[in-house]
Amino acid sequence: MERLDQQMNFILEVDKLKSIIRQNYLMDGSRRENDADHSWHLALMCAILSEHANEKINVVKTITMVLIHDLVEIDAGDTYAYDELANVSKRDRERKAADRIFHLLPEDQAAEIRSLWDEFEEGSTPEAKFANTLDKMLPLLLNAGSDGKSWKEHGVTLSQVLKRNEKTHEGSEALWEYELGIINKHVANGNLINQ
């Protein structure tokens, strides 16, 4: 039972993901999304959009990757993409969180999940590239659906969005082209500052 107890403790611990509030709003603008909303949406996007990956990917592995990639935010908190100061310490905070959270699992599963998290962070495999593409795309979709609500609240500029998405094309050229259409539309309508 010790193994099952460890697994259940992990499962109960990661329920806290539902309480981590992000800066993006849901499409209807009614509330901000939480990390569990975000992870679920990315997993579904992966299942539906995987045919658009630049390279063949292991879909189940990639879905698992997007489901666990933000678990570290239980300890580290969500770091807003455009908060330069908070992003300085993000990597260190998230590594410490990964050490604690993933090691609630039995040793073999802890190593497997931590390896997937590290792979996502490194962004060098086809699965990690595609997972990162989806992770960058979802905020664009939510901003498009909410008429740029969080972009406008934070005064986000075109150059910030382009910098954040500079590697998005590595996972999917097709999805990057789609994102560019969204970006250009929202620059034209004033939801993104043209700087």
N, C-alpha and C. Protein backbone atom coordinates (compact mmCIF):
# COMPACT_ATOMS: atom_id res chain seq x y z
N MET A 1 0.81 -1.21 0.00
CA MET A 1 0.00 0.00 0.00
C MET A 1 0.84 1.27 0.00
N GLU A 2 2.11 1.14 0.37
CA GLU A 2 2.93 2.35 0.42
C GLU A 2 2.97 3.05 -0.94
N ARG A 3 3.13 2.28 -2.02
CA ARG A 3 3.18 2.87 -3.37
C ARG A 3 1.86 3.58 -3.68
N LEU A 4 0.75 2.92 -3.41
CA LEU A 4 -0.56 3.51 -3.67
C LEU A 4 -0.77 4.75 -2.81
N ASP A 5 -0.33 4.71 -1.57
CA ASP A 5 -0.43 5.88 -0.69
C ASP A 5 0.35 7.06 -1.28
N GLN A 6 1.56 6.79 -1.77
CA GLN A 6 2.36 7.87 -2.37
C GLN A 6 1.64 8.44 -3.60
N GLN A 7 1.11 7.58 -4.44
CA GLN A 7 0.40 8.04 -5.63
C GLN A 7 -0.82 8.88 -5.26
N MET A 8 -1.57 8.42 -4.26
CA MET A 8 -2.75 9.17 -3.83
C MET A 8 -2.38 10.51 -3.20
N ASN A 9 -1.30 10.53 -2.44
CA ASN A 9 -0.84 11.80 -1.86
C ASN A 9 -0.49 12.79 -2.96
N PHE A 10 0.17 12.30 -4.01
CA PHE A 10 0.50 13.16 -5.15
C PHE A 10 -0.77 13.68 -5.81
N ILE A 11 -1.72 12.78 -6.05
CA ILE A 11 -2.97 13.17 -6.71
C ILE A 11 -3.71 14.22 -5.89
N LEU A 12 -3.74 14.06 -4.59
CA LEU A 12 -4.39 15.06 -3.74
C LEU A 12 -3.61 16.37 -3.72
N GLU A 13 -2.30 16.28 -3.71
CA GLU A 13 -1.47 17.50 -3.71
C GLU A 13 -1.70 18.33 -4.98
N VAL A 14 -1.78 17.66 -6.12
CA VAL A 14 -1.90 18.42 -7.37
C VAL A 14 -3.29 19.00 -7.58
N ASP A 15 -4.23 18.67 -6.70
CA ASP A 15 -5.54 19.35 -6.73
C ASP A 15 -5.35 20.86 -6.53
N LYS A 16 -4.26 21.24 -5.88
CA LYS A 16 -3.97 22.65 -5.63
C LYS A 16 -3.80 23.43 -6.93
N LEU A 17 -3.56 22.73 -8.03
CA LEU A 17 -3.41 23.40 -9.33
C LEU A 17 -4.66 24.19 -9.69
N LYS A 18 -5.80 23.73 -9.21
CA LYS A 18 -7.07 24.40 -9.50
C LYS A 18 -7.15 25.79 -8.86
N SER A 19 -6.27 26.05 -7.89
CA SER A 19 -6.29 27.34 -7.18
C SER A 19 -5.25 28.32 -7.70
N ILE A 20 -4.43 27.91 -8.67
CA ILE A 20 -3.42 28.80 -9.21
C ILE A 20 -4.06 29.58 -10.36
N ILE A 21 -4.24 30.87 -10.14
CA ILE A 21 -4.94 31.72 -11.11
C ILE A 21 -3.93 32.36 -12.05
N ARG A 22 -4.24 32.29 -13.33
CA ARG A 22 -3.40 32.85 -14.39
C ARG A 22 -3.91 34.23 -14.79
N GLN A 23 -3.16 34.92 -15.65
CA GLN A 23 -3.56 36.25 -16.09
C GLN A 23 -4.58 36.22 -17.23
N ASN A 24 -4.61 35.15 -17.99
CA ASN A 24 -5.55 35.07 -19.11
C ASN A 24 -6.97 34.84 -18.63
N TYR A 25 -7.90 35.42 -19.37
CA TYR A 25 -9.32 35.20 -19.11
C TYR A 25 -9.83 34.06 -19.96
N LEU A 26 -10.91 33.44 -19.50
CA LEU A 26 -11.63 32.51 -20.35
C LEU A 26 -12.14 33.27 -21.57
N MET A 27 -12.51 32.55 -22.60
CA MET A 27 -12.95 33.19 -23.84
C MET A 27 -14.10 34.16 -23.62
N ASP A 28 -15.00 33.86 -22.68
CA ASP A 28 -16.14 34.74 -22.45
C ASP A 28 -15.80 35.92 -21.55
N GLY A 29 -14.55 35.97 -21.06
CA GLY A 29 -14.11 37.09 -20.22
C GLY A 29 -14.67 37.08 -18.81
N SER A 30 -15.37 36.01 -18.42
CA SER A 30 -16.06 35.99 -17.13
C SER A 30 -15.13 35.83 -15.93
N ARG A 31 -14.01 35.17 -16.13
CA ARG A 31 -13.04 34.98 -15.04
C ARG A 31 -11.70 34.62 -15.66
N ARG A 32 -10.67 34.71 -14.82
CA ARG A 32 -9.35 34.27 -15.25
C ARG A 32 -9.31 32.75 -15.23
N GLU A 33 -8.51 32.16 -16.11
CA GLU A 33 -8.35 30.71 -16.09
C GLU A 33 -7.44 30.32 -14.94
N ASN A 34 -7.56 29.08 -14.49
CA ASN A 34 -6.61 28.57 -13.51
C ASN A 34 -5.69 27.57 -14.22
N ASP A 35 -4.68 27.11 -13.51
CA ASP A 35 -3.70 26.21 -14.12
C ASP A 35 -4.32 24.87 -14.54
N ALA A 36 -5.32 24.40 -13.82
CA ALA A 36 -5.97 23.14 -14.21
C ALA A 36 -6.75 23.34 -15.51
N ASP A 37 -7.45 24.47 -15.64
CA ASP A 37 -8.13 24.80 -16.91
C ASP A 37 -7.11 24.77 -18.05
N HIS A 38 -6.01 25.44 -17.82
CA HIS A 38 -4.96 25.58 -18.84
C HIS A 38 -4.39 24.23 -19.26
N SER A 39 -4.06 23.39 -18.28
CA SER A 39 -3.46 22.09 -18.58
C SER A 39 -4.44 21.19 -19.33
N TRP A 40 -5.70 21.18 -18.90
CA TRP A 40 -6.72 20.38 -19.60
C TRP A 40 -6.87 20.86 -21.05
N HIS A 41 -6.92 22.16 -21.23
CA HIS A 41 -7.12 22.70 -22.57
C HIS A 41 -5.93 22.35 -23.48
N LEU A 42 -4.73 22.41 -22.96
CA LEU A 42 -3.55 22.04 -23.74
C LEU A 42 -3.58 20.56 -24.13
N ALA A 43 -4.00 19.71 -23.19
CA ALA A 43 -4.08 18.27 -23.49
C ALA A 43 -5.06 18.02 -24.62
N LEU A 44 -6.21 18.67 -24.57
CA LEU A 44 -7.20 18.52 -25.63
C LEU A 44 -6.67 19.08 -26.95
N MET A 45 -6.01 20.23 -26.90
CA MET A 45 -5.41 20.80 -28.11
C MET A 45 -4.42 19.82 -28.73
N CYS A 46 -3.61 19.17 -27.90
CA CYS A 46 -2.64 18.22 -28.40
C CYS A 46 -3.33 17.06 -29.11
N ALA A 47 -4.37 16.54 -28.51
CA ALA A 47 -5.10 15.42 -29.11
C ALA A 47 -5.70 15.81 -30.46
N ILE A 48 -6.19 17.03 -30.57
CA ILE A 48 -6.86 17.48 -31.78
C ILE A 48 -5.88 18.00 -32.84
N LEU A 49 -4.84 18.69 -32.42
CA LEU A 49 -3.97 19.41 -33.35
C LEU A 49 -2.64 18.72 -33.65
N SER A 50 -2.41 17.54 -33.09
CA SER A 50 -1.11 16.89 -33.24
C SER A 50 -0.70 16.66 -34.70
N GLU A 51 -1.66 16.54 -35.59
CA GLU A 51 -1.32 16.35 -37.01
C GLU A 51 -0.59 17.56 -37.61
N HIS A 52 -0.61 18.68 -36.91
CA HIS A 52 0.05 19.88 -37.41
C HIS A 52 1.47 20.06 -36.86
N ALA A 53 1.94 19.10 -36.07
CA ALA A 53 3.32 19.17 -35.58
C ALA A 53 4.29 19.08 -36.75
N ASN A 54 5.39 19.80 -36.65
CA ASN A 54 6.40 19.75 -37.71
C ASN A 54 6.97 18.36 -37.90
N GLU A 55 7.11 17.63 -36.79
CA GLU A 55 7.65 16.27 -36.82
C GLU A 55 6.63 15.34 -36.16
N LYS A 56 6.71 14.06 -36.50
CA LYS A 56 5.83 13.08 -35.86
C LYS A 56 6.11 13.08 -34.37
N ILE A 57 5.05 13.09 -33.57
CA ILE A 57 5.21 13.08 -32.11
C ILE A 57 4.46 11.90 -31.51
N ASN A 58 4.90 11.53 -30.31
CA ASN A 58 4.18 10.58 -29.49
C ASN A 58 3.11 11.40 -28.77
N VAL A 59 1.86 11.25 -29.18
CA VAL A 59 0.78 12.10 -28.68
C VAL A 59 0.54 11.88 -27.19
N VAL A 60 0.54 10.63 -26.74
CA VAL A 60 0.30 10.36 -25.32
C VAL A 60 1.40 10.99 -24.46
N LYS A 61 2.63 10.87 -24.90
CA LYS A 61 3.75 11.48 -24.17
C LYS A 61 3.58 13.00 -24.12
N THR A 62 3.17 13.59 -25.23
CA THR A 62 3.03 15.04 -25.28
C THR A 62 1.86 15.50 -24.42
N ILE A 63 0.76 14.74 -24.43
CA ILE A 63 -0.37 15.07 -23.57
C ILE A 63 0.06 15.02 -22.11
N THR A 64 0.79 13.98 -21.74
CA THR A 64 1.28 13.88 -20.36
C THR A 64 2.16 15.07 -20.02
N MET A 65 3.00 15.45 -20.95
CA MET A 65 3.91 16.59 -20.75
C MET A 65 3.13 17.87 -20.46
N VAL A 66 2.08 18.15 -21.26
CA VAL A 66 1.33 19.38 -21.02
C VAL A 66 0.49 19.30 -19.75
N LEU A 67 0.10 18.10 -19.35
CA LEU A 67 -0.66 17.96 -18.11
C LEU A 67 0.20 18.21 -16.88
N ILE A 68 1.50 17.90 -16.95
CA ILE A 68 2.35 18.05 -15.76
C ILE A 68 3.23 19.31 -15.78
N HIS A 69 3.30 20.01 -16.92
CA HIS A 69 4.30 21.08 -17.04
C HIS A 69 4.13 22.22 -16.06
N ASP A 70 2.89 22.49 -15.62
CA ASP A 70 2.67 23.60 -14.69
C ASP A 70 2.43 23.15 -13.25
N LEU A 71 2.59 21.87 -12.94
CA LEU A 71 2.40 21.42 -11.56
C LEU A 71 3.33 22.15 -10.60
N VAL A 72 4.49 22.56 -11.10
CA VAL A 72 5.45 23.27 -10.25
C VAL A 72 4.90 24.60 -9.74
N GLU A 73 3.89 25.11 -10.41
CA GLU A 73 3.32 26.40 -10.00
C GLU A 73 2.54 26.29 -8.69
N ILE A 74 2.30 25.08 -8.23
CA ILE A 74 1.69 24.89 -6.90
C ILE A 74 2.57 25.55 -5.85
N ASP A 75 3.88 25.39 -5.97
CA ASP A 75 4.83 26.02 -5.05
C ASP A 75 5.37 27.34 -5.60
N ALA A 76 5.68 27.37 -6.88
CA ALA A 76 6.37 28.52 -7.47
C ALA A 76 5.43 29.66 -7.86
N GLY A 77 4.14 29.37 -7.95
CA GLY A 77 3.18 30.37 -8.41
C GLY A 77 3.26 30.55 -9.92
N ASP A 78 2.22 31.13 -10.48
CA ASP A 78 2.22 31.43 -11.91
C ASP A 78 3.04 32.69 -12.12
N THR A 79 3.97 32.63 -13.04
CA THR A 79 4.77 33.79 -13.39
C THR A 79 4.23 34.36 -14.68
N TYR A 80 3.71 35.58 -14.63
CA TYR A 80 3.12 36.19 -15.81
C TYR A 80 4.18 36.30 -16.91
N ALA A 81 3.80 35.92 -18.09
CA ALA A 81 4.73 35.84 -19.22
C ALA A 81 5.50 37.14 -19.46
N TYR A 82 4.88 38.27 -19.19
CA TYR A 82 5.49 39.55 -19.51
C TYR A 82 6.01 40.31 -18.29
N ASP A 83 6.14 39.60 -17.17
CA ASP A 83 6.69 40.19 -15.95
C ASP A 83 8.19 39.90 -15.92
N GLU A 84 8.98 40.84 -16.40
CA GLU A 84 10.43 40.62 -16.53
C GLU A 84 11.10 40.34 -15.20
N LEU A 85 10.73 41.05 -14.16
CA LEU A 85 11.36 40.87 -12.85
C LEU A 85 11.07 39.47 -12.29
N ALA A 86 9.83 39.05 -12.32
CA ALA A 86 9.47 37.73 -11.78
C ALA A 86 10.10 36.60 -12.60
N ASN A 87 10.30 36.82 -13.88
CA ASN A 87 10.88 35.78 -14.73
C ASN A 87 12.36 35.54 -14.43
N VAL A 88 13.03 36.48 -13.76
CA VAL A 88 14.44 36.30 -13.40
C VAL A 88 14.62 35.11 -12.46
N SER A 89 13.71 34.95 -11.49
CA SER A 89 13.84 33.88 -10.50
C SER A 89 12.96 32.66 -10.82
N LYS A 90 12.24 32.70 -11.91
CA LYS A 90 11.28 31.65 -12.24
C LYS A 90 11.92 30.27 -12.30
N ARG A 91 12.99 30.14 -13.02
CA ARG A 91 13.62 28.82 -13.23
C ARG A 91 14.03 28.17 -11.91
N ASP A 92 14.64 28.95 -11.04
CA ASP A 92 15.08 28.42 -9.74
C ASP A 92 13.88 28.02 -8.88
N ARG A 93 12.86 28.86 -8.83
CA ARG A 93 11.66 28.56 -8.05
C ARG A 93 10.99 27.29 -8.56
N GLU A 94 10.90 27.16 -9.88
CA GLU A 94 10.22 26.00 -10.45
C GLU A 94 11.02 24.71 -10.28
N ARG A 95 12.34 24.78 -10.33
CA ARG A 95 13.15 23.57 -10.10
C ARG A 95 12.99 23.07 -8.67
N LYS A 96 12.98 23.99 -7.72
CA LYS A 96 12.77 23.59 -6.32
C LYS A 96 11.40 22.95 -6.15
N ALA A 97 10.42 23.53 -6.80
CA ALA A 97 9.06 22.97 -6.72
C ALA A 97 9.01 21.58 -7.36
N ALA A 98 9.69 21.40 -8.49
CA ALA A 98 9.71 20.10 -9.15
C ALA A 98 10.34 19.05 -8.24
N ASP A 99 11.41 19.42 -7.56
CA ASP A 99 12.07 18.49 -6.64
C ASP A 99 11.10 18.02 -5.56
N ARG A 100 10.31 18.91 -5.02
CA ARG A 100 9.39 18.53 -3.95
C ARG A 100 8.16 17.78 -4.49
N ILE A 101 7.49 18.37 -5.44
CA ILE A 101 6.19 17.84 -5.88
C ILE A 101 6.33 16.48 -6.55
N PHE A 102 7.24 16.35 -7.49
CA PHE A 102 7.36 15.09 -8.22
C PHE A 102 7.85 13.96 -7.32
N HIS A 103 8.60 14.33 -6.29
CA HIS A 103 9.12 13.29 -5.40
C HIS A 103 8.12 12.84 -4.34
N LEU A 104 6.88 13.30 -4.45
CA LEU A 104 5.81 12.71 -3.65
C LEU A 104 5.44 11.34 -4.21
N LEU A 105 5.73 11.14 -5.49
CA LEU A 105 5.43 9.88 -6.18
C LEU A 105 6.47 8.81 -5.81
N PRO A 106 6.15 7.54 -6.07
CA PRO A 106 7.17 6.49 -5.95
C PRO A 106 8.36 6.84 -6.84
N GLU A 107 9.50 6.38 -6.46
CA GLU A 107 10.76 6.77 -7.10
C GLU A 107 10.75 6.63 -8.62
N ASP A 108 10.25 5.52 -9.15
CA ASP A 108 10.26 5.33 -10.61
C ASP A 108 9.35 6.33 -11.32
N GLN A 109 8.18 6.59 -10.76
CA GLN A 109 7.28 7.56 -11.37
C GLN A 109 7.79 8.98 -11.20
N ALA A 110 8.38 9.26 -10.07
CA ALA A 110 8.97 10.58 -9.85
C ALA A 110 10.03 10.87 -10.90
N ALA A 111 10.88 9.89 -11.16
CA ALA A 111 11.94 10.07 -12.16
C ALA A 111 11.34 10.26 -13.56
N GLU A 112 10.31 9.50 -13.88
CA GLU A 112 9.68 9.61 -15.20
C GLU A 112 9.01 10.96 -15.40
N ILE A 113 8.25 11.41 -14.41
CA ILE A 113 7.55 12.68 -14.52
C ILE A 113 8.54 13.84 -14.53
N ARG A 114 9.56 13.75 -13.67
CA ARG A 114 10.57 14.82 -13.65
C ARG A 114 11.30 14.88 -14.99
N SER A 115 11.58 13.74 -15.58
CA SER A 115 12.24 13.71 -16.88
C SER A 115 11.38 14.38 -17.95
N LEU A 116 10.08 14.12 -17.92
CA LEU A 116 9.17 14.77 -18.87
C LEU A 116 9.13 16.27 -18.65
N TRP A 117 9.11 16.69 -17.38
CA TRP A 117 9.11 18.12 -17.08
C TRP A 117 10.40 18.78 -17.58
N ASP A 118 11.53 18.14 -17.32
CA ASP A 118 12.81 18.66 -17.80
C ASP A 118 12.83 18.74 -19.33
N GLU A 119 12.29 17.72 -19.97
CA GLU A 119 12.23 17.70 -21.44
C GLU A 119 11.40 18.86 -21.96
N PHE A 120 10.25 19.13 -21.33
CA PHE A 120 9.43 20.28 -21.72
C PHE A 120 10.22 21.57 -21.57
N GLU A 121 10.89 21.72 -20.44
CA GLU A 121 11.65 22.94 -20.16
C GLU A 121 12.79 23.14 -21.17
N GLU A 122 13.46 22.05 -21.55
CA GLU A 122 14.56 22.15 -22.52
C GLU A 122 14.05 22.43 -23.92
N GLY A 123 12.89 21.93 -24.25
CA GLY A 123 12.25 22.23 -25.53
C GLY A 123 12.99 21.77 -26.75
N SER A 124 13.70 20.64 -26.68
CA SER A 124 14.51 20.23 -27.83
C SER A 124 13.97 19.02 -28.59
N THR A 125 13.09 18.23 -27.98
CA THR A 125 12.53 17.06 -28.67
C THR A 125 11.29 17.49 -29.47
N PRO A 126 10.87 16.70 -30.45
CA PRO A 126 9.64 17.04 -31.18
C PRO A 126 8.44 17.22 -30.25
N GLU A 127 8.31 16.35 -29.24
CA GLU A 127 7.20 16.46 -28.30
C GLU A 127 7.27 17.75 -27.49
N ALA A 128 8.45 18.08 -26.99
CA ALA A 128 8.60 19.30 -26.20
C ALA A 128 8.39 20.55 -27.05
N LYS A 129 8.87 20.52 -28.27
CA LYS A 129 8.65 21.68 -29.16
C LYS A 129 7.16 21.88 -29.41
N PHE A 130 6.45 20.80 -29.68
CA PHE A 130 5.01 20.92 -29.95
C PHE A 130 4.26 21.34 -28.68
N ALA A 131 4.62 20.76 -27.54
CA ALA A 131 3.98 21.14 -26.27
C ALA A 131 4.19 22.62 -25.99
N ASN A 132 5.39 23.12 -26.23
CA ASN A 132 5.66 24.54 -26.02
C ASN A 132 4.91 25.42 -27.01
N THR A 133 4.74 24.94 -28.24
CA THR A 133 3.94 25.68 -29.21
C THR A 133 2.51 25.84 -28.70
N LEU A 134 1.93 24.76 -28.21
CA LEU A 134 0.57 24.82 -27.69
C LEU A 134 0.49 25.74 -26.48
N ASP A 135 1.50 25.68 -25.61
CA ASP A 135 1.53 26.50 -24.41
C ASP A 135 1.59 27.98 -24.74
N LYS A 136 2.20 28.32 -25.84
CA LYS A 136 2.26 29.72 -26.28
C LYS A 136 1.00 30.10 -27.04
N MET A 137 0.40 29.15 -27.74
CA MET A 137 -0.78 29.43 -28.56
C MET A 137 -2.04 29.68 -27.74
N LEU A 138 -2.24 28.92 -26.67
CA LEU A 138 -3.48 29.03 -25.92
C LEU A 138 -3.73 30.45 -25.39
N PRO A 139 -2.75 31.14 -24.80
CA PRO A 139 -3.03 32.51 -24.37
C PRO A 139 -3.45 33.43 -25.53
N LEU A 140 -2.89 33.21 -26.71
CA LEU A 140 -3.32 33.99 -27.87
C LEU A 140 -4.78 33.73 -28.20
N LEU A 141 -5.17 32.46 -28.17
CA LEU A 141 -6.56 32.12 -28.46
C LEU A 141 -7.50 32.72 -27.43
N LEU A 142 -7.11 32.67 -26.16
CA LEU A 142 -7.96 33.23 -25.11
C LEU A 142 -8.05 34.74 -25.21
N ASN A 143 -6.94 35.38 -25.53
CA ASN A 143 -6.98 36.82 -25.73
C ASN A 143 -7.83 37.19 -26.94
N ALA A 144 -7.72 36.42 -27.99
CA ALA A 144 -8.55 36.68 -29.16
C ALA A 144 -10.03 36.55 -28.81
N GLY A 145 -10.37 35.52 -28.05
CA GLY A 145 -11.76 35.28 -27.68
C GLY A 145 -12.32 36.31 -26.71
N SER A 146 -11.45 36.88 -25.89
CA SER A 146 -11.90 37.87 -24.89
C SER A 146 -11.62 39.30 -25.35
N ASP A 147 -11.43 39.48 -26.63
CA ASP A 147 -11.17 40.80 -27.23
C ASP A 147 -9.93 41.45 -26.63
N GLY A 148 -8.89 40.63 -26.40
CA GLY A 148 -7.61 41.14 -25.91
C GLY A 148 -7.63 41.62 -24.47
N LYS A 149 -8.54 41.09 -23.67
CA LYS A 149 -8.77 41.60 -22.31
C LYS A 149 -7.49 41.68 -21.46
N SER A 150 -6.76 40.58 -21.35
CA SER A 150 -5.56 40.64 -20.50
C SER A 150 -4.43 41.41 -21.17
N TRP A 151 -4.35 41.37 -22.50
CA TRP A 151 -3.35 42.20 -23.19
C TRP A 151 -3.58 43.67 -22.87
N LYS A 152 -4.84 44.09 -22.97
CA LYS A 152 -5.15 45.50 -22.73
C LYS A 152 -4.91 45.88 -21.27
N GLU A 153 -5.28 45.01 -20.33
CA GLU A 153 -5.06 45.29 -18.91
C GLU A 153 -3.59 45.53 -18.59
N HIS A 154 -2.71 44.78 -19.27
CA HIS A 154 -1.28 44.85 -18.97
C HIS A 154 -0.49 45.68 -19.97
N GLY A 155 -1.17 46.27 -20.95
CA GLY A 155 -0.48 47.09 -21.95
C GLY A 155 0.54 46.29 -22.75
N VAL A 156 0.19 45.07 -23.13
CA VAL A 156 1.11 44.18 -23.84
C VAL A 156 1.33 44.69 -25.26
N THR A 157 2.59 44.62 -25.69
CA THR A 157 2.97 45.12 -27.01
C THR A 157 3.22 43.98 -27.99
N LEU A 158 3.17 44.33 -29.26
CA LEU A 158 3.48 43.38 -30.32
C LEU A 158 4.86 42.78 -30.12
N SER A 159 5.85 43.61 -29.80
CA SER A 159 7.21 43.09 -29.64
C SER A 159 7.30 42.08 -28.49
N GLN A 160 6.54 42.28 -27.42
CA GLN A 160 6.53 41.32 -26.31
C GLN A 160 5.96 39.98 -26.77
N VAL A 161 4.86 40.03 -27.50
CA VAL A 161 4.23 38.80 -27.98
C VAL A 161 5.15 38.06 -28.95
N LEU A 162 5.78 38.80 -29.85
CA LEU A 162 6.68 38.17 -30.82
C LEU A 162 7.90 37.57 -30.12
N LYS A 163 8.43 38.25 -29.11
CA LYS A 163 9.58 37.72 -28.36
C LYS A 163 9.19 36.43 -27.63
N ARG A 164 8.02 36.44 -27.00
CA ARG A 164 7.56 35.26 -26.26
C ARG A 164 7.34 34.08 -27.20
N ASN A 165 7.00 34.36 -28.43
CA ASN A 165 6.68 33.30 -29.39
C ASN A 165 7.79 33.05 -30.41
N GLU A 166 9.00 33.48 -30.11
CA GLU A 166 10.07 33.38 -31.09
C GLU A 166 10.42 31.94 -31.49
N LYS A 167 10.08 30.96 -30.66
CA LYS A 167 10.38 29.57 -30.99
C LYS A 167 9.12 28.76 -31.30
N THR A 168 7.99 29.40 -31.32
CA THR A 168 6.72 28.71 -31.54
C THR A 168 6.72 27.92 -32.85
N HIS A 169 7.30 28.47 -33.86
CA HIS A 169 7.33 27.82 -35.19
C HIS A 169 8.08 26.49 -35.15
N GLU A 170 8.97 26.29 -34.17
CA GLU A 170 9.74 25.05 -34.10
C GLU A 170 8.86 23.83 -33.86
N GLY A 171 7.72 24.02 -33.23
CA GLY A 171 6.80 22.91 -32.98
C GLY A 171 5.80 22.71 -34.09
N SER A 172 5.40 23.83 -34.71
CA SER A 172 4.41 23.74 -35.79
C SER A 172 4.41 25.03 -36.60
N GLU A 173 4.87 24.92 -37.83
CA GLU A 173 4.82 26.08 -38.74
C GLU A 173 3.37 26.45 -39.02
N ALA A 174 2.49 25.45 -39.16
CA ALA A 174 1.08 25.72 -39.47
C ALA A 174 0.41 26.49 -38.34
N LEU A 175 0.65 26.08 -37.09
CA LEU A 175 0.03 26.78 -35.97
C LEU A 175 0.64 28.17 -35.79
N TRP A 176 1.92 28.31 -36.07
CA TRP A 176 2.55 29.63 -35.99
C TRP A 176 1.94 30.58 -37.02
N GLU A 177 1.71 30.10 -38.22
CA GLU A 177 1.06 30.94 -39.23
C GLU A 177 -0.33 31.36 -38.78
N TYR A 178 -1.05 30.44 -38.16
CA TYR A 178 -2.37 30.75 -37.63
C TYR A 178 -2.27 31.82 -36.55
N GLU A 179 -1.29 31.67 -35.66
CA GLU A 179 -1.08 32.66 -34.59
C GLU A 179 -0.75 34.03 -35.16
N LEU A 180 0.06 34.07 -36.20
CA LEU A 180 0.40 35.36 -36.81
C LEU A 180 -0.85 36.08 -37.30
N GLY A 181 -1.79 35.33 -37.84
CA GLY A 181 -3.05 35.94 -38.26
C GLY A 181 -3.78 36.57 -37.08
N ILE A 182 -3.80 35.88 -35.95
CA ILE A 182 -4.43 36.41 -34.73
C ILE A 182 -3.69 37.67 -34.28
N ILE A 183 -2.38 37.58 -34.23
CA ILE A 183 -1.56 38.71 -33.77
C ILE A 183 -1.82 39.92 -34.65
N ASN A 184 -1.76 39.75 -35.96
CA ASN A 184 -1.94 40.88 -36.88
C ASN A 184 -3.33 41.51 -36.73
N LYS A 185 -4.34 40.68 -36.57
CA LYS A 185 -5.70 41.18 -36.38
C LYS A 185 -5.79 42.05 -35.12
N HIS A 186 -5.14 41.60 -34.05
CA HIS A 186 -5.25 42.32 -32.78
C HIS A 186 -4.33 43.54 -32.70
N VAL A 187 -3.33 43.60 -33.53
CA VAL A 187 -2.57 44.85 -33.68
C VAL A 187 -3.45 45.84 -34.43
N ALA A 188 -4.07 45.37 -35.52
CA ALA A 188 -4.92 46.25 -36.33
C ALA A 188 -6.10 46.82 -35.55
N ASN A 189 -6.69 46.02 -34.65
CA ASN A 189 -7.86 46.54 -33.92
C ASN A 189 -7.50 47.21 -32.59
N GLY A 190 -6.20 47.31 -32.29
CA GLY A 190 -5.76 48.05 -31.10
C GLY A 190 -5.69 47.25 -29.82
N ASN A 191 -5.95 45.96 -29.86
CA ASN A 191 -5.85 45.14 -28.65
C ASN A 191 -4.41 44.87 -28.25
N LEU A 192 -3.51 44.93 -29.20
CA LEU A 192 -2.06 44.81 -28.95
C LEU A 192 -1.42 46.12 -29.39
N ILE A 193 -0.57 46.67 -28.54
CA ILE A 193 0.13 47.91 -28.87
C ILE A 193 1.18 47.63 -29.93
N ASN A 194 1.18 48.38 -30.99
CA ASN A 194 2.12 48.17 -32.11
C ASN A 194 3.48 48.78 -31.81
N GLN A 195 4.22 48.12 -30.94
CA GLN A 195 5.57 48.55 -30.56
C GLN A 195 6.46 47.35 -30.51
